[in-house]
C-alpha atoms as a PDB file:
ATOM      1  CA  MET A   1      -9.434   5.953  -8.131  1.00  0.00           C
ATOM      2  CA  ARG A   2      -7.973   5.007 -11.486  1.00  0.00           C
ATOM      3  CA  LEU A   3      -6.872   1.467 -12.186  1.00  0.00           C
ATOM      4  CA  THR A   4      -4.426   1.631 -15.039  1.00  0.00           C
ATOM      5  CA  GLY A   5      -1.499  -0.384 -16.181  1.00  0.00           C
ATOM      6  CA  PRO A   6      -0.334  -3.188 -18.419  1.00  0.00           C
ATOM      7  CA  THR A   7      -3.275  -5.417 -17.488  1.00  0.00           C
ATOM      8  CA  HIS A   8      -5.891  -2.917 -18.677  1.00  0.00           C
ATOM      9  CA  ALA A   9      -6.623  -1.634 -22.146  1.00  0.00           C
ATOM     10  CA  ASN A  10      -8.385   1.366 -20.591  1.00  0.00           C
ATOM     11  CA  ASP A  11      -8.308   3.161 -17.270  1.00  0.00           C
ATOM     12  CA  GLN A  12     -11.017   2.134 -14.835  1.00  0.00           C
ATOM     13  CA  LEU A  13     -12.693   5.014 -13.026  1.00  0.00           C
ATOM     14  CA  LEU A  14     -13.994   3.955  -9.652  1.00  0.00           C
ATOM     15  CA  ASP A  15     -16.184   5.375  -6.934  1.00  0.00           C
ATOM     16  CA  PHE A  16     -14.273   6.030  -3.695  1.00  0.00           C
ATOM     17  CA  ASN A  17     -16.071   3.306  -1.709  1.00  0.00           C
ATOM     18  CA  ILE A  18     -15.491   0.709  -4.424  1.00  0.00           C
ATOM     19  CA  ALA A  19     -11.826   1.707  -4.694  1.00  0.00           C
ATOM     20  CA  GLU A  20     -11.481   1.388  -0.909  1.00  0.00           C
ATOM     21  CA  ASP A  21     -12.973  -2.117  -1.009  1.00  0.00           C
ATOM     22  CA  ILE A  22     -10.645  -3.111  -3.869  1.00  0.00           C
ATOM     23  CA  LYS A  23      -7.637  -1.750  -1.953  1.00  0.00           C
ATOM     24  CA  ARG A  24      -8.469  -3.726   1.169  1.00  0.00           C
ATOM     25  CA  LYS A  25      -9.118  -6.963  -0.719  1.00  0.00           C
ATOM     26  CA  ALA A  26      -6.012  -6.662  -2.915  1.00  0.00           C
ATOM     27  CA  SER A  27      -3.948  -5.898   0.177  1.00  0.00           C
ATOM     28  CA  ALA A  28      -5.192  -9.180   1.667  1.00  0.00           C
ATOM     29  CA  GLY A  29      -4.370 -11.019  -1.582  1.00  0.00           C
ATOM     30  CA  GLU A  30      -8.021 -11.451  -2.552  1.00  0.00           C
ATOM     31  CA  ASP A  31      -9.293 -11.257  -6.121  1.00  0.00           C
ATOM     32  CA  VAL A  32     -11.959  -8.607  -6.759  1.00  0.00           C
ATOM     33  CA  SER A  33     -15.106  -8.116  -8.819  1.00  0.00           C
ATOM     34  CA  PHE A  34     -16.612  -4.666  -9.143  1.00  0.00           C
ATOM     35  CA  THR A  35     -18.612  -2.312 -11.325  1.00  0.00           C
ATOM     36  CA  ASP A  36     -16.863   0.861 -12.508  1.00  0.00           C
ATOM     37  CA  ILE A  37     -18.615   4.254 -12.737  1.00  0.00           C
ATOM     38  CA  LEU A  38     -19.633   3.494 -16.338  1.00  0.00           C
ATOM     39  CA  GLY A  39     -21.483   0.360 -15.239  1.00  0.00           C
ATOM     40  CA  MET A  40     -18.952  -2.138 -16.606  1.00  0.00           C
ATOM     41  CA  ARG A  41     -18.533  -5.272 -14.484  1.00  0.00           C
ATOM     42  CA  LEU A  42     -14.907  -6.371 -14.054  1.00  0.00           C
ATOM     43  CA  SER A  43     -13.038  -9.125 -12.234  1.00  0.00           C
ATOM     44  CA  LEU A  44      -9.332  -8.839 -11.453  1.00  0.00           C
ATOM     45  CA  THR A  45      -6.838 -10.878  -9.524  1.00  0.00           C
ATOM     46  CA  ALA A  46      -5.064  -9.233  -6.600  1.00  0.00           C
ATOM     47  CA  ASP A  47      -1.855  -9.308  -8.682  1.00  0.00           C
ATOM     48  CA  GLN A  48      -3.578  -7.426 -11.518  1.00  0.00           C
ATOM     49  CA  VAL A  49      -4.779  -4.744  -9.101  1.00  0.00           C
ATOM     50  CA  VAL A  50      -1.317  -4.390  -7.568  1.00  0.00           C
ATOM     51  CA  ALA A  51       0.329  -4.162 -11.003  1.00  0.00           C
ATOM     52  CA  ALA A  52      -2.200  -1.543 -12.107  1.00  0.00           C
ATOM     53  CA  ILE A  53      -1.727   0.741  -9.104  1.00  0.00           C
ATOM     54  CA  ARG A  54       2.029   0.244  -8.663  1.00  0.00           C
ATOM     55  CA  PRO A  55       3.134   3.381 -10.591  1.00  0.00           C
ATOM     56  CA  SER A  56       0.825   5.590  -8.506  1.00  0.00           C
ATOM     57  CA  VAL A  57       1.896   3.933  -5.238  1.00  0.00           C
ATOM     58  CA  GLU A  58       5.576   4.361  -6.197  1.00  0.00           C
ATOM     59  CA  ASN A  59       4.985   8.078  -6.858  1.00  0.00           C
ATOM     60  CA  LEU A  60       3.193   8.543  -3.540  1.00  0.00           C
ATOM     61  CA  ALA A  61       5.821   6.551  -1.601  1.00  0.00           C
ATOM     62  CA  GLY A  62       8.548   8.672  -3.199  1.00  0.00           C
ATOM     63  CA  ALA A  63       6.737  11.879  -2.214  1.00  0.00           C
ATOM     64  CA  ILE A  64       6.314  10.650   1.373  1.00  0.00           C
ATOM     65  CA  ALA A  65       9.998   9.692   1.574  1.00  0.00           C
ATOM     66  CA  LYS A  66      11.020  13.072   0.134  1.00  0.00           C
ATOM     67  CA  GLN A  67       9.035  14.922   2.806  1.00  0.00           C
ATOM     68  CA  ILE A  68      10.554  12.777   5.554  1.00  0.00           C
ATOM     69  CA  LEU A  69      14.068  13.407   4.237  1.00  0.00           C
ATOM     70  CA  ASP A  70      13.381  17.139   3.833  1.00  0.00           C
ATOM     71  CA  LEU A  71      12.268  17.346   7.466  1.00  0.00           C
ATOM     72  CA  ASN A  72      14.948  15.064   8.933  1.00  0.00           C
ATOM     73  CA  SER A  73      17.804  15.703   6.490  1.00  0.00           C
ATOM     74  CA  GLU A  74      18.702  11.999   6.800  1.00  0.00           C
ATOM     75  CA  PRO A  75      16.808   8.709   6.734  1.00  0.00           C
ATOM     76  CA  PRO A  76      15.107   7.879  10.036  1.00  0.00           C
ATOM     77  CA  GLN A  77      15.688   4.590  11.807  1.00  0.00           C
ATOM     78  CA  ALA A  78      12.019   3.681  11.357  1.00  0.00           C
ATOM     79  CA  VAL A  79       8.745   5.000  10.001  1.00  0.00           C
ATOM     80  CA  MET A  80       5.309   3.907  11.155  1.00  0.00           C
ATOM     81  CA  LEU A  81       2.558   4.327   8.597  1.00  0.00           C
ATOM     82  CA  VAL A  82      -0.951   4.691  10.020  1.00  0.00           C
ATOM     83  CA  GLY A  83      -4.410   5.274   8.618  1.00  0.00           C
ATOM     84  CA  GLY A  84      -6.192   3.935   5.575  1.00  0.00           C
ATOM     85  CA  GLY A  85      -3.410   4.815   3.156  1.00  0.00           C
ATOM     86  CA  SER A  86      -1.042   2.534   5.029  1.00  0.00           C
ATOM     87  CA  LEU A  87      -3.201  -0.385   3.866  1.00  0.00           C
ATOM     88  CA  THR A  88      -2.415   0.376   0.234  1.00  0.00           C
ATOM     89  CA  PRO A  89      -0.672  -2.627  -1.302  1.00  0.00           C
ATOM     90  CA  MET A  90       3.130  -2.166  -1.384  1.00  0.00           C
ATOM     91  CA  MET A  91       3.052   1.220   0.398  1.00  0.00           C
ATOM     92  CA  PRO A  92       5.140   0.246   3.463  1.00  0.00           C
ATOM     93  CA  GLU A  93       7.731  -1.592   1.358  1.00  0.00           C
ATOM     94  CA  LEU A  94       8.025   1.200  -1.209  1.00  0.00           C
ATOM     95  CA  VAL A  95       8.365   3.935   1.437  1.00  0.00           C
ATOM     96  CA  ALA A  96      11.069   1.889   3.177  1.00  0.00           C
ATOM     97  CA  ASP A  97      12.848   1.310  -0.150  1.00  0.00           C
ATOM     98  CA  ALA A  98      12.697   5.021  -0.992  1.00  0.00           C
ATOM     99  CA  LEU A  99      14.238   5.829   2.398  1.00  0.00           C
ATOM    100  CA  GLY A 100      16.805   3.050   2.214  1.00  0.00           C
ATOM    101  CA  ILE A 101      15.632   1.453   5.458  1.00  0.00           C
ATOM    102  CA  PRO A 102      14.468  -2.125   6.139  1.00  0.00           C
ATOM    103  CA  SER A 103      10.796  -2.885   5.663  1.00  0.00           C
ATOM    104  CA  LEU A 104       8.793  -4.712   8.305  1.00  0.00           C
ATOM    105  CA  THR A 105       5.322  -6.073   7.720  1.00  0.00           C
ATOM    106  CA  SER A 106       2.710  -5.409  10.376  1.00  0.00           C
ATOM    107  CA  SER A 107       2.745  -9.082  11.398  1.00  0.00           C
ATOM    108  CA  THR A 108       6.548  -8.979  11.845  1.00  0.00           C
ATOM    109  CA  ALA A 109       6.322  -5.709  13.775  1.00  0.00           C
ATOM    110  CA  SER A 110       3.593  -7.169  16.012  1.00  0.00           C
ATOM    111  CA  ARG A 111       5.730 -10.248  16.700  1.00  0.00           C
ATOM    112  CA  ILE A 112       8.746  -8.087  17.594  1.00  0.00           C
ATOM    113  CA  CYS A 113       6.596  -5.930  19.873  1.00  0.00           C
ATOM    114  CA  ARG A 114       5.146  -9.004  21.629  1.00  0.00           C
ATOM    115  CA  GLN A 115       8.642 -10.427  22.159  1.00  0.00           C
ATOM    116  CA  SER A 116       9.901  -7.109  23.510  1.00  0.00           C
ATOM    117  CA  CYS A 117       6.904  -6.696  25.827  1.00  0.00           C
ATOM    118  CA  THR A 118       7.280 -10.272  27.109  1.00  0.00           C
ATOM    119  CA  ARG A 119      10.967  -9.694  27.920  1.00  0.00           C
ATOM    120  CA  ARG A 120      10.161  -6.483  29.820  1.00  0.00           C
ATOM    121  CA  MET A 121       7.542  -8.224  31.934  1.00  0.00           C
ATOM    122  CA  ARG A 122       9.986 -10.893  33.150  1.00  0.00           C
END
């Protein structure tokens, strides 16, 4: 993983496991401290991590949306992102934006599902 952006003078090259830990913590709004592959110790806020990876996440979200539109020929009503990549900060919102559909957070989606399931059980 490369952390690059306005908050960094240089790119930060990271081991996969460290990058995964940073992604999960930043996604939860936690600040991170880590050692890059050159042995440099760094500390970043969650906002700095998000700002650094935003261009890459925007590119990936755009590519995902393009594939969906190529296959469907029109925006779907909804998209469910699953797997580790779906935990990438901003990914759900940026995919939704690229498709022109509303974005729901997982907590909002869970609440809607619980409400729907409760109504069906009555």
